[in-house]
C-alpha atoms as a PDB file:
ATOM      1  CA  MET A   1       0.000   0.000   0.000  1.00  0.00           C
ATOM      2  CA  SER A   2       1.375   3.425  -0.973  1.00  0.00           C
ATOM      3  CA  LEU A   3       1.873   6.282   1.453  1.00  0.00           C
ATOM      4  CA  ILE A   4      -1.125   8.131  -0.001  1.00  0.00           C
ATOM      5  CA  GLU A   5      -3.364   5.101   0.329  1.00  0.00           C
ATOM      6  CA  LYS A   6      -2.259   4.647   3.947  1.00  0.00           C
ATOM      7  CA  ALA A   7      -3.005   8.319   4.639  1.00  0.00           C
ATOM      8  CA  VAL A   8      -6.477   8.076   3.140  1.00  0.00           C
ATOM      9  CA  GLU A   9      -7.212   4.948   5.209  1.00  0.00           C
ATOM     10  CA  ARG A  10      -6.034   6.710   8.361  1.00  0.00           C
ATOM     11  CA  LEU A  11      -8.241   9.713   7.613  1.00  0.00           C
ATOM     12  CA  GLY A  12     -11.230   7.459   7.308  1.00  0.00           C
ATOM     13  CA  GLN A  13     -10.487   5.909  10.679  1.00  0.00           C
ATOM     14  CA  LEU A  14     -10.213   9.320  12.303  1.00  0.00           C
ATOM     15  CA  LYS A  15     -13.495  10.478  10.823  1.00  0.00           C
ATOM     16  CA  GLN A  16     -15.283   7.386  12.108  1.00  0.00           C
ATOM     17  CA  ALA A  17     -13.860   8.116  15.551  1.00  0.00           C
ATOM     18  CA  GLY A  18     -15.286  11.681  15.399  1.00  0.00           C
ATOM     19  CA  GLN A  19     -11.918  13.411  15.635  1.00  0.00           C
ATOM     20  CA  ASP A  20     -10.947  16.601  13.848  1.00  0.00           C
ATOM     21  CA  VAL A  21      -9.071  15.841  10.707  1.00  0.00           C
ATOM     22  CA  PRO A  22      -6.105  18.028   9.652  1.00  0.00           C
ATOM     23  CA  VAL A  23      -5.964  18.999   6.018  1.00  0.00           C
ATOM     24  CA  ILE A  24      -3.273  17.025   4.214  1.00  0.00           C
ATOM     25  CA  THR A  25      -1.648  18.431   1.104  1.00  0.00           C
ATOM     26  CA  PRO A  26       0.734  16.450  -1.057  1.00  0.00           C
ATOM     27  CA  VAL A  27       3.998  18.220  -1.807  1.00  0.00           C
ATOM     28  CA  THR A  28       7.059  17.256  -3.736  1.00  0.00           C
ATOM     29  CA  ALA A  29      10.114  16.697  -1.587  1.00  0.00           C
ATOM     30  CA  ASP A  30      13.611  17.618  -2.666  1.00  0.00           C
ATOM     31  CA  ALA A  31      14.354  13.981  -3.528  1.00  0.00           C
ATOM     32  CA  GLY A  32      11.328  13.811  -5.782  1.00  0.00           C
ATOM     33  CA  GLU A  33       9.262  11.649  -3.360  1.00  0.00           C
ATOM     34  CA  THR A  34       5.695  12.466  -2.369  1.00  0.00           C
ATOM     35  CA  ALA A  35       5.038  13.281   1.273  1.00  0.00           C
ATOM     36  CA  GLU A  36       2.123  14.558   3.327  1.00  0.00           C
ATOM     37  CA  VAL A  37       2.320  17.744   5.346  1.00  0.00           C
ATOM     38  CA  ALA A  38      -0.232  19.894   7.036  1.00  0.00           C
ATOM     39  CA  ALA A  39      -1.390  22.662   4.701  1.00  0.00           C
ATOM     40  CA  PRO A  40       0.386  25.911   5.514  1.00  0.00           C
ATOM     41  CA  GLU A  41      -1.444  29.150   6.118  1.00  0.00           C
ATOM     42  CA  ARG A  42      -2.535  31.028   3.028  1.00  0.00           C
ATOM     43  CA  SER A  43       0.528  32.775   1.689  1.00  0.00           C
ATOM     44  CA  ARG A  44       0.723  36.443   2.339  1.00  0.00           C
ATOM     45  CA  VAL A  45       1.733  38.443  -0.730  1.00  0.00           C
ATOM     46  CA  SER A  46       3.429  41.726   0.106  1.00  0.00           C
ATOM     47  CA  ILE A  47       2.322  44.410  -2.302  1.00  0.00           C
ATOM     48  CA  HIS A  48       4.585  47.436  -2.236  1.00  0.00           C
ATOM     49  CA  ALA A  49       2.944  50.724  -3.140  1.00  0.00           C
ATOM     50  CA  PRO A  50       4.999  52.889  -5.482  1.00  0.00           C
ATOM     51  CA  GLU A  51       7.294  55.213  -3.612  1.00  0.00           C
ATOM     52  CA  ALA A  52       5.977  58.736  -3.438  1.00  0.00           C
ATOM     53  CA  GLU A  53       8.130  61.544  -4.815  1.00  0.00           C
ATOM     54  CA  PRO A  54      10.231  63.008  -1.995  1.00  0.00           C
ATOM     55  CA  VAL A  55       8.669  66.048  -0.409  1.00  0.00           C
ATOM     56  CA  SER A  56      10.955  69.010   0.071  1.00  0.00           C
ATOM     57  CA  ARG A  57      11.494  70.250   3.599  1.00  0.00           C
ATOM     58  CA  GLU A  58       9.764  73.483   4.566  1.00  0.00           C
ATOM     59  CA  VAL A  59      11.495  76.441   6.187  1.00  0.00           C
ATOM     60  CA  HIS A  60       9.946  79.538   7.697  1.00  0.00           C
ATOM     61  CA  ILE A  61      10.944  82.991   6.459  1.00  0.00           C
ATOM     62  CA  ASP A  62      10.421  85.873   8.874  1.00  0.00           C
ATOM     63  CA  LEU A  63       8.597  88.273   6.559  1.00  0.00           C
ATOM     64  CA  GLU A  64       8.461  91.063   9.125  1.00  0.00           C
ATOM     65  CA  ARG A  65      12.241  90.924   9.467  1.00  0.00           C
ATOM     66  CA  LEU A  66      12.703  91.035   5.691  1.00  0.00           C
ATOM     67  CA  GLY A  67      10.341  93.977   5.385  1.00  0.00           C
ATOM     68  CA  HIS A  68      12.349  95.936   7.943  1.00  0.00           C
ATOM     69  CA  MET A  69      15.494  95.166   5.909  1.00  0.00           C
ATOM     70  CA  GLY A  70      13.949  96.764   2.825  1.00  0.00           C
ATOM     71  CA  PHE A  71      12.966  93.632   0.883  1.00  0.00           C
ATOM     72  CA  VAL A  72       9.813  92.972  -1.080  1.00  0.00           C
ATOM     73  CA  THR A  73       7.375  90.874   0.981  1.00  0.00           C
ATOM     74  CA  PRO A  74       3.875  89.546   0.243  1.00  0.00           C
ATOM     75  CA  ASP A  75       2.401  91.364   3.233  1.00  0.00           C
ATOM     76  CA  GLN A  76       3.670  94.755   2.001  1.00  0.00           C
ATOM     77  CA  GLN A  77       2.678  94.632  -1.641  1.00  0.00           C
ATOM     78  CA  ARG A  78       2.152  98.393  -1.928  1.00  0.00           C
ATOM     79  CA  SER A  79       5.528  99.461  -0.604  1.00  0.00           C
ATOM     80  CA  ALA A  80       7.758 101.622  -2.802  1.00  0.00           C
ATOM     81  CA  ILE A  81      10.274  98.789  -3.337  1.00  0.00           C
ATOM     82  CA  ALA A  82       7.464  96.400  -4.300  1.00  0.00           C
ATOM     83  CA  GLU A  83       6.202  98.838  -6.913  1.00  0.00           C
ATOM     84  CA  GLU A  84       9.686  99.239  -8.397  1.00  0.00           C
ATOM     85  CA  TYR A  85      10.186  95.500  -8.741  1.00  0.00           C
ATOM     86  CA  ARG A  86       6.799  95.169 -10.423  1.00  0.00           C
ATOM     87  CA  VAL A  87       8.222  97.299 -13.201  1.00  0.00           C
ATOM     88  CA  ILE A  88      11.562  95.488 -13.211  1.00  0.00           C
ATOM     89  CA  LYS A  89      10.112  91.974 -13.429  1.00  0.00           C
ATOM     90  CA  ARG A  90       7.621  92.629 -16.218  1.00  0.00           C
ATOM     91  CA  PRO A  91       9.956  92.324 -19.257  1.00  0.00           C
ATOM     92  CA  LEU A  92      11.639  89.293 -17.667  1.00  0.00           C
ATOM     93  CA  LEU A  93       8.315  87.510 -17.278  1.00  0.00           C
ATOM     94  CA  ARG A  94       7.281  88.486 -20.779  1.00  0.00           C
ATOM     95  CA  ASN A  95      10.443  86.962 -22.223  1.00  0.00           C
ATOM     96  CA  ALA A  96      10.022  83.838 -20.102  1.00  0.00           C
ATOM     97  CA  SER A  97       6.479  83.101 -21.181  1.00  0.00           C
ATOM     98  CA  SER A  98       5.800  84.640 -24.566  1.00  0.00           C
ATOM     99  CA  ILE A  99       7.196  85.038 -28.054  1.00  0.00           C
ATOM    100  CA  ARG A 100       9.726  87.776 -28.677  1.00  0.00           C
ATOM    101  CA  GLY A 101      10.166  88.688 -32.322  1.00  0.00           C
ATOM    102  CA  ALA A 102       9.962  85.696 -34.633  1.00  0.00           C
ATOM    103  CA  SER A 103      10.897  83.002 -32.123  1.00  0.00           C
ATOM    104  CA  ARG A 104      10.440  82.085 -28.494  1.00  0.00           C
ATOM    105  CA  VAL A 105      13.248  83.004 -26.101  1.00  0.00           C
ATOM    106  CA  ALA A 106      15.189  79.793 -25.493  1.00  0.00           C
ATOM    107  CA  ASN A 107      15.459  79.010 -21.774  1.00  0.00           C
ATOM    108  CA  GLY A 108      13.669  82.266 -21.065  1.00  0.00           C
ATOM    109  CA  ASN A 109      12.637  81.001 -17.637  1.00  0.00           C
ATOM    110  CA  LEU A 110      16.306  80.653 -16.624  1.00  0.00           C
ATOM    111  CA  ILE A 111      17.344  84.090 -15.349  1.00  0.00           C
ATOM    112  CA  MET A 112      20.780  84.865 -13.939  1.00  0.00           C
ATOM    113  CA  VAL A 113      21.360  87.922 -11.761  1.00  0.00           C
ATOM    114  CA  THR A 114      24.979  89.042 -11.600  1.00  0.00           C
ATOM    115  CA  SER A 115      27.242  92.101 -11.523  1.00  0.00           C
ATOM    116  CA  ALA A 116      30.683  93.116 -12.687  1.00  0.00           C
ATOM    117  CA  LEU A 117      32.099  93.474  -9.152  1.00  0.00           C
ATOM    118  CA  PRO A 118      31.161  92.432  -5.614  1.00  0.00           C
ATOM    119  CA  GLY A 119      28.929  94.648  -3.500  1.00  0.00           C
ATOM    120  CA  GLU A 120      26.750  96.072  -6.261  1.00  0.00           C
ATOM    121  CA  GLY A 121      23.526  94.513  -4.953  1.00  0.00           C
ATOM    122  CA  LYS A 122      23.055  91.410  -7.102  1.00  0.00           C
ATOM    123  CA  SER A 123      21.886  89.159  -4.228  1.00  0.00           C
ATOM    124  CA  PHE A 124      19.522  91.863  -2.998  1.00  0.00           C
ATOM    125  CA  THR A 125      18.148  92.121  -6.527  1.00  0.00           C
ATOM    126  CA  ALA A 126      17.841  88.357  -7.017  1.00  0.00           C
ATOM    127  CA  LEU A 127      15.935  87.919  -3.768  1.00  0.00           C
ATOM    128  CA  ASN A 128      13.608  90.830  -4.481  1.00  0.00           C
ATOM    129  CA  LEU A 129      12.899  89.572  -7.989  1.00  0.00           C
ATOM    130  CA  ALA A 130      12.098  86.143  -6.623  1.00  0.00           C
ATOM    131  CA  MET A 131       9.804  87.595  -3.974  1.00  0.00           C
ATOM    132  CA  SER A 132       8.023  89.815  -6.481  1.00  0.00           C
ATOM    133  CA  MET A 133       7.600  87.050  -9.068  1.00  0.00           C
ATOM    134  CA  ALA A 134       6.270  84.672  -6.402  1.00  0.00           C
ATOM    135  CA  MET A 135       3.302  87.006  -6.050  1.00  0.00           C
ATOM    136  CA  GLU A 136       2.295  86.341  -9.667  1.00  0.00           C
ATOM    137  CA  LEU A 137      -0.826  84.258 -10.265  1.00  0.00           C
ATOM    138  CA  ASP A 138       0.620  82.310 -13.196  1.00  0.00           C
ATOM    139  CA  HIS A 139       4.166  81.561 -12.076  1.00  0.00           C
ATOM    140  CA  SER A 140       6.081  79.872  -9.291  1.00  0.00           C
ATOM    141  CA  VAL A 141       9.718  80.705  -8.501  1.00  0.00           C
ATOM    142  CA  LEU A 142      12.838  78.754  -7.629  1.00  0.00           C
ATOM    143  CA  LEU A 143      15.636  80.951  -6.274  1.00  0.00           C
ATOM    144  CA  VAL A 144      19.037  79.289  -6.694  1.00  0.00           C
ATOM    145  CA  ASP A 145      22.051  80.507  -4.740  1.00  0.00           C
ATOM    146  CA  ALA A 146      24.693  79.846  -7.387  1.00  0.00           C
ATOM    147  CA  ASP A 147      27.322  82.044  -5.741  1.00  0.00           C
ATOM    148  CA  VAL A 148      28.860  78.857  -4.382  1.00  0.00           C
ATOM    149  CA  SER A 149      32.080  80.492  -3.176  1.00  0.00           C
ATOM    150  CA  LYS A 150      30.284  83.173  -1.163  1.00  0.00           C
ATOM    151  CA  PRO A 151      26.625  82.182  -0.709  1.00  0.00           C
ATOM    152  CA  SER A 152      24.354  84.737   0.929  1.00  0.00           C
ATOM    153  CA  ILE A 153      20.701  83.926   0.169  1.00  0.00           C
ATOM    154  CA  LEU A 154      20.049  81.791   3.264  1.00  0.00           C
ATOM    155  CA  LYS A 155      21.888  84.296   5.440  1.00  0.00           C
ATOM    156  CA  GLN A 156      19.756  87.150   4.132  1.00  0.00           C
ATOM    157  CA  LEU A 157      16.651  85.083   4.834  1.00  0.00           C
ATOM    158  CA  GLY A 158      17.846  84.406   8.381  1.00  0.00           C
ATOM    159  CA  LEU A 159      18.210  80.659   7.754  1.00  0.00           C
ATOM    160  CA  PRO A 160      21.087  78.282   8.635  1.00  0.00           C
ATOM    161  CA  PRO A 161      23.315  76.651   5.955  1.00  0.00           C
ATOM    162  CA  GLU A 162      21.810  73.683   4.131  1.00  0.00           C
ATOM    163  CA  ARG A 163      22.750  71.124   1.487  1.00  0.00           C
ATOM    164  CA  GLY A 164      22.105  72.424  -1.995  1.00  0.00           C
ATOM    165  CA  LEU A 165      23.298  72.865  -5.568  1.00  0.00           C
ATOM    166  CA  MET A 166      26.864  71.610  -5.157  1.00  0.00           C
ATOM    167  CA  ASP A 167      25.760  68.598  -3.145  1.00  0.00           C
ATOM    168  CA  VAL A 168      23.262  67.373  -5.709  1.00  0.00           C
ATOM    169  CA  LEU A 169      25.855  67.813  -8.474  1.00  0.00           C
ATOM    170  CA  VAL A 170      28.601  65.798  -6.777  1.00  0.00           C
ATOM    171  CA  ASP A 171      26.485  63.216  -4.898  1.00  0.00           C
ATOM    172  CA  ALA A 172      24.590  60.872  -7.202  1.00  0.00           C
ATOM    173  CA  SER A 173      22.425  59.653  -4.317  1.00  0.00           C
ATOM    174  CA  LEU A 174      20.782  63.075  -3.952  1.00  0.00           C
ATOM    175  CA  ASP A 175      17.880  64.355  -6.037  1.00  0.00           C
ATOM    176  CA  LEU A 176      16.575  67.901  -6.403  1.00  0.00           C
ATOM    177  CA  PRO A 177      13.655  67.424  -3.968  1.00  0.00           C
ATOM    178  CA  ASP A 178      16.188  66.350  -1.333  1.00  0.00           C
ATOM    179  CA  VAL A 179      17.796  69.797  -1.258  1.00  0.00           C
ATOM    180  CA  ILE A 180      15.103  72.230  -2.423  1.00  0.00           C
ATOM    181  CA  LEU A 181      13.488  74.106   0.460  1.00  0.00           C
ATOM    182  CA  ARG A 182       9.803  74.968   0.494  1.00  0.00           C
ATOM    183  CA  THR A 183       8.967  78.251   2.186  1.00  0.00           C
ATOM    184  CA  ASN A 184       5.947  79.779   3.876  1.00  0.00           C
ATOM    185  CA  ILE A 185       5.546  81.835   0.689  1.00  0.00           C
ATOM    186  CA  GLU A 186       3.364  79.510  -1.358  1.00  0.00           C
ATOM    187  CA  LYS A 187       5.047  79.920  -4.736  1.00  0.00           C
ATOM    188  CA  LEU A 188       8.656  80.385  -3.607  1.00  0.00           C
ATOM    189  CA  ARG A 189      11.240  77.603  -3.344  1.00  0.00           C
ATOM    190  CA  ILE A 190      14.931  77.958  -2.437  1.00  0.00           C
ATOM    191  CA  LEU A 191      17.887  75.919  -3.692  1.00  0.00           C
ATOM    192  CA  PRO A 192      20.874  76.760  -1.449  1.00  0.00           C
ATOM    193  CA  ALA A 193      24.449  76.811  -2.722  1.00  0.00           C
ATOM    194  CA  GLY A 194      25.380  73.798  -0.621  1.00  0.00           C
ATOM    195  CA  SER A 195      28.856  72.592   0.279  1.00  0.00           C
ATOM    196  CA  ALA A 196      31.849  74.563  -0.965  1.00  0.00           C
ATOM    197  CA  THR A 197      34.218  72.907  -3.427  1.00  0.00           C
ATOM    198  CA  GLN A 198      37.473  74.017  -5.037  1.00  0.00           C
ATOM    199  CA  ARG A 199      36.276  72.680  -8.391  1.00  0.00           C
ATOM    200  CA  ALA A 200      33.117  74.798  -8.494  1.00  0.00           C
ATOM    201  CA  THR A 201      33.775  76.150 -12.005  1.00  0.00           C
ATOM    202  CA  GLU A 202      34.273  72.675 -13.452  1.00  0.00           C
ATOM    203  CA  VAL A 203      31.185  71.383 -11.654  1.00  0.00           C
ATOM    204  CA  LEU A 204      29.018  74.248 -12.956  1.00  0.00           C
ATOM    205  CA  ALA A 205      30.314  73.630 -16.484  1.00  0.00           C
ATOM    206  CA  SER A 206      29.803  69.850 -16.299  1.00  0.00           C
ATOM    207  CA  GLU A 207      27.359  67.640 -18.145  1.00  0.00           C
ATOM    208  CA  GLY A 208      25.738  66.969 -14.779  1.00  0.00           C
ATOM    209  CA  MET A 209      24.898  70.662 -14.533  1.00  0.00           C
ATOM    210  CA  ASN A 210      23.405  70.561 -18.034  1.00  0.00           C
ATOM    211  CA  ARG A 211      21.139  67.696 -17.038  1.00  0.00           C
ATOM    212  CA  LEU A 212      20.192  69.403 -13.784  1.00  0.00           C
ATOM    213  CA  LEU A 213      19.243  72.627 -15.569  1.00  0.00           C
ATOM    214  CA  ASP A 214      17.163  70.693 -18.091  1.00  0.00           C
ATOM    215  CA  GLU A 215      15.337  69.023 -15.218  1.00  0.00           C
ATOM    216  CA  MET A 216      14.839  72.306 -13.384  1.00  0.00           C
ATOM    217  CA  ALA A 217      13.539  74.095 -16.482  1.00  0.00           C
ATOM    218  CA  SER A 218      11.225  71.347 -17.733  1.00  0.00           C
ATOM    219  CA  ARG A 219       9.786  69.750 -14.578  1.00  0.00           C
ATOM    220  CA  TYR A 220       7.476  72.736 -14.021  1.00  0.00           C
ATOM    221  CA  PRO A 221       6.926  74.780 -17.207  1.00  0.00           C
ATOM    222  CA  ASP A 222       5.400  77.682 -15.257  1.00  0.00           C
ATOM    223  CA  ARG A 223       8.378  77.968 -12.917  1.00  0.00           C
ATOM    224  CA  ILE A 224      10.788  80.902 -13.158  1.00  0.00           C
ATOM    225  CA  ILE A 225      14.287  79.967 -11.997  1.00  0.00           C
ATOM    226  CA  ILE A 226      16.436  82.835 -10.743  1.00  0.00           C
ATOM    227  CA  PHE A 227      20.165  82.284 -10.207  1.00  0.00           C
ATOM    228  CA  ASP A 228      22.142  84.539  -7.888  1.00  0.00           C
ATOM    229  CA  SER A 229      25.565  84.121  -9.480  1.00  0.00           C
ATOM    230  CA  PRO A 230      29.067  85.326  -8.556  1.00  0.00           C
ATOM    231  CA  PRO A 231      30.340  88.645  -9.975  1.00  0.00           C
ATOM    232  CA  LEU A 232      31.564  88.302 -13.566  1.00  0.00           C
ATOM    233  CA  LEU A 233      34.997  89.840 -13.092  1.00  0.00           C
ATOM    234  CA  VAL A 234      35.918  88.014  -9.876  1.00  0.00           C
ATOM    235  CA  THR A 235      35.526  84.335 -10.801  1.00  0.00           C
ATOM    236  CA  THR A 236      34.910  82.271 -13.920  1.00  0.00           C
ATOM    237  CA  GLU A 237      31.956  80.453 -12.329  1.00  0.00           C
ATOM    238  CA  ALA A 238      29.427  83.050 -13.479  1.00  0.00           C
ATOM    239  CA  ARG A 239      30.678  82.774 -17.055  1.00  0.00           C
ATOM    240  CA  ALA A 240      30.217  79.001 -17.003  1.00  0.00           C
ATOM    241  CA  LEU A 241      26.704  79.393 -15.624  1.00  0.00           C
ATOM    242  CA  ALA A 242      25.829  82.123 -18.143  1.00  0.00           C
ATOM    243  CA  THR A 243      26.136  79.712 -21.067  1.00  0.00           C
ATOM    244  CA  HIS A 244      22.930  77.989 -19.899  1.00  0.00           C
ATOM    245  CA  MET A 245      20.837  81.109 -19.318  1.00  0.00           C
ATOM    246  CA  GLY A 246      18.054  82.597 -21.427  1.00  0.00           C
ATOM    247  CA  GLN A 247      18.208  85.988 -19.691  1.00  0.00           C
ATOM    248  CA  ILE A 248      20.829  87.778 -17.611  1.00  0.00           C
ATOM    249  CA  VAL A 249      20.319  90.812 -15.389  1.00  0.00           C
ATOM    250  CA  VAL A 250      23.542  92.730 -14.733  1.00  0.00           C
ATOM    251  CA  VAL A 251      23.294  94.909 -11.631  1.00  0.00           C
ATOM    252  CA  VAL A 252      25.261  98.147 -11.933  1.00  0.00           C
ATOM    253  CA  GLU A 253      25.998 100.256  -8.877  1.00  0.00           C
ATOM    254  CA  ALA A 254      25.403 103.906  -9.585  1.00  0.00           C
ATOM    255  CA  GLU A 255      28.442 106.201  -9.311  1.00  0.00           C
ATOM    256  CA  ARG A 256      30.774 103.284  -8.607  1.00  0.00           C
ATOM    257  CA  THR A 257      30.932 100.785 -11.482  1.00  0.00           C
ATOM    258  CA  THR A 258      33.112 102.154 -14.261  1.00  0.00           C
ATOM    259  CA  HIS A 259      32.210 102.019 -17.914  1.00  0.00           C
ATOM    260  CA  SER A 260      35.267  99.898 -18.686  1.00  0.00           C
ATOM    261  CA  ALA A 261      34.431  97.349 -15.960  1.00  0.00           C
ATOM    262  CA  LEU A 262      30.863  97.048 -17.201  1.00  0.00           C
ATOM    263  CA  LYS A 263      31.986  96.678 -20.806  1.00  0.00           C
ATOM    264  CA  GLN A 264      34.458  93.969 -19.820  1.00  0.00           C
ATOM    265  CA  ALA A 265      31.803  92.145 -17.801  1.00  0.00           C
ATOM    266  CA  LEU A 266      29.289  92.206 -20.649  1.00  0.00           C
ATOM    267  CA  ALA A 267      31.900  90.784 -23.017  1.00  0.00           C
ATOM    268  CA  THR A 268      32.148  87.641 -20.848  1.00  0.00           C
ATOM    269  CA  ILE A 269      28.439  86.855 -21.336  1.00  0.00           C
ATOM    270  CA  ASP A 270      28.147  87.808 -24.973  1.00  0.00           C
ATOM    271  CA  ALA A 271      26.620  84.429 -25.891  1.00  0.00           C
ATOM    272  CA  CYS A 272      23.496  84.961 -23.791  1.00  0.00           C
ATOM    273  CA  PRO A 273      20.594  86.008 -26.041  1.00  0.00           C
ATOM    274  CA  ILE A 274      19.145  88.648 -23.688  1.00  0.00           C
ATOM    275  CA  LYS A 275      21.105  90.854 -21.320  1.00  0.00           C
ATOM    276  CA  MET A 276      19.566  93.600 -19.218  1.00  0.00           C
ATOM    277  CA  MET A 277      21.149  96.156 -16.936  1.00  0.00           C
ATOM    278  CA  LEU A 278      19.673  97.360 -13.675  1.00  0.00           C
ATOM    279  CA  LEU A 279      20.974 100.574 -12.122  1.00  0.00           C
ATOM    280  CA  ASN A 280      21.110 100.128  -8.360  1.00  0.00           C
ATOM    281  CA  LYS A 281      21.716 102.555  -5.476  1.00  0.00           C
ATOM    282  CA  SER A 282      20.928 105.560  -7.571  1.00  0.00           C
ATOM    283  CA  THR A 283      20.826 108.892  -5.751  1.00  0.00           C
ATOM    284  CA  VAL A 284      18.392 110.259  -8.332  1.00  0.00           C
ATOM    285  CA  GLN A 285      14.979 110.596  -6.732  1.00  0.00           C
ATOM    286  CA  GLY A 286      12.686 107.895  -8.105  1.00  0.00           C
ATOM    287  CA  PRO A 287       9.477 106.130  -7.042  1.00  0.00           C
ATOM    288  CA  GLY A 288      11.296 104.583  -4.083  1.00  0.00           C
ATOM    289  CA  GLY A 289      13.700 107.466  -3.561  1.00  0.00           C
ATOM    290  CA  TYR A 290      16.744 105.174  -3.655  1.00  0.00           C
ATOM    291  CA  TYR A 291      16.769 102.524  -6.361  1.00  0.00           C
ATOM    292  CA  GLY A 292      17.077 103.324 -10.018  1.00  0.00           C
ATOM    293  CA  TYR A 293      16.532 100.840 -12.813  1.00  0.00           C
ATOM    294  CA  GLY A 294      17.086 100.592 -16.532  1.00  0.00           C
ATOM    295  CA  TYR A 295      17.122  97.915 -19.200  1.00  0.00           C
ATOM    296  CA  GLY A 296      19.046  97.261 -22.390  1.00  0.00           C
ATOM    297  CA  TYR A 297      18.524  94.137 -24.482  1.00  0.00           C
ATOM    298  CA  GLY A 298      21.554  92.246 -25.733  1.00  0.00           C
ATOM    299  CA  HIS A 299      20.310  92.079 -29.319  1.00  0.00           C
ATOM    300  CA  GLU A 300      22.029  94.805 -31.302  1.00  0.00           C
ATOM    301  CA  ALA A 301      19.144  94.833 -33.754  1.00  0.00           C
ATOM    302  CA  ASP A 302      16.739  95.556 -30.940  1.00  0.00           C
ATOM    303  CA  ASP A 303      17.381  98.745 -29.009  1.00  0.00           C
ATOM    304  CA  ASP A 304      14.292  98.505 -26.787  1.00  0.00           C
ATOM    305  CA  LYS A 305      14.931 100.323 -23.539  1.00  0.00           C
ATOM    306  CA  ALA A 306      12.825 101.339 -20.583  1.00  0.00           C
ATOM    307  CA  ALA A 307      13.598 103.426 -17.580  1.00  0.00           C
END
């Protein structure tokens, strides 16, 4: 009598005796023989839900503090400085979202703010532009501190140092959402400069930077990305970054920046399709009594200017 036949006979005897009968399931043993074992519990299949996209960490910006420092803030939208930056941002937004001339401005939503020399107000301008543009209904803003040798955006915002641009470029395990900071201003995000490196110019000119910029520009088509870059005549990092930009704003300090310095600085970014100049710290009485502004497009065939 086979093992199975013996098992069946035994089951019959147990049933006649009124005893509970365990369920017997034939399985194939490693040696190829048939054996009887008690049926295991129903297998539990672990179904893994797809991983959610990482959520950026949120930081709190003290808007009252910024307002006292003379910055544009959402809770003081009718201040003199807010009105000035409404005028300043308008051509930048137009170039970023519409057609200029016969063709669309390539990478128009990538805007670099720089200067010829340190201390002319480029970081102040970049932060104010970002704040002002974040108040727009149709756009969100990512402010990138690309002055990796001397970052200042987080300091101006009263925030501690964080991982940022350099870290995501040199560490393959990091993604953009890991280092981008959400703020209590709904449409404003911050990408800090991150860890300092002696090879900053090479990193900013790398293929990794190209891919990162493509991702930043295309992930959210309505997003304006503003880069606070180093001064043009101090390092070569700004020149490397400028090759990716659709628009560049060159901040010029009134009564300080010389014509020759400005001309030399503009020559280093000649490849950028649109260059504008913003006159800062003007003593000429204007709407805000302190800041002057002016624009000049980089196209020689187009002499549009506003002041």
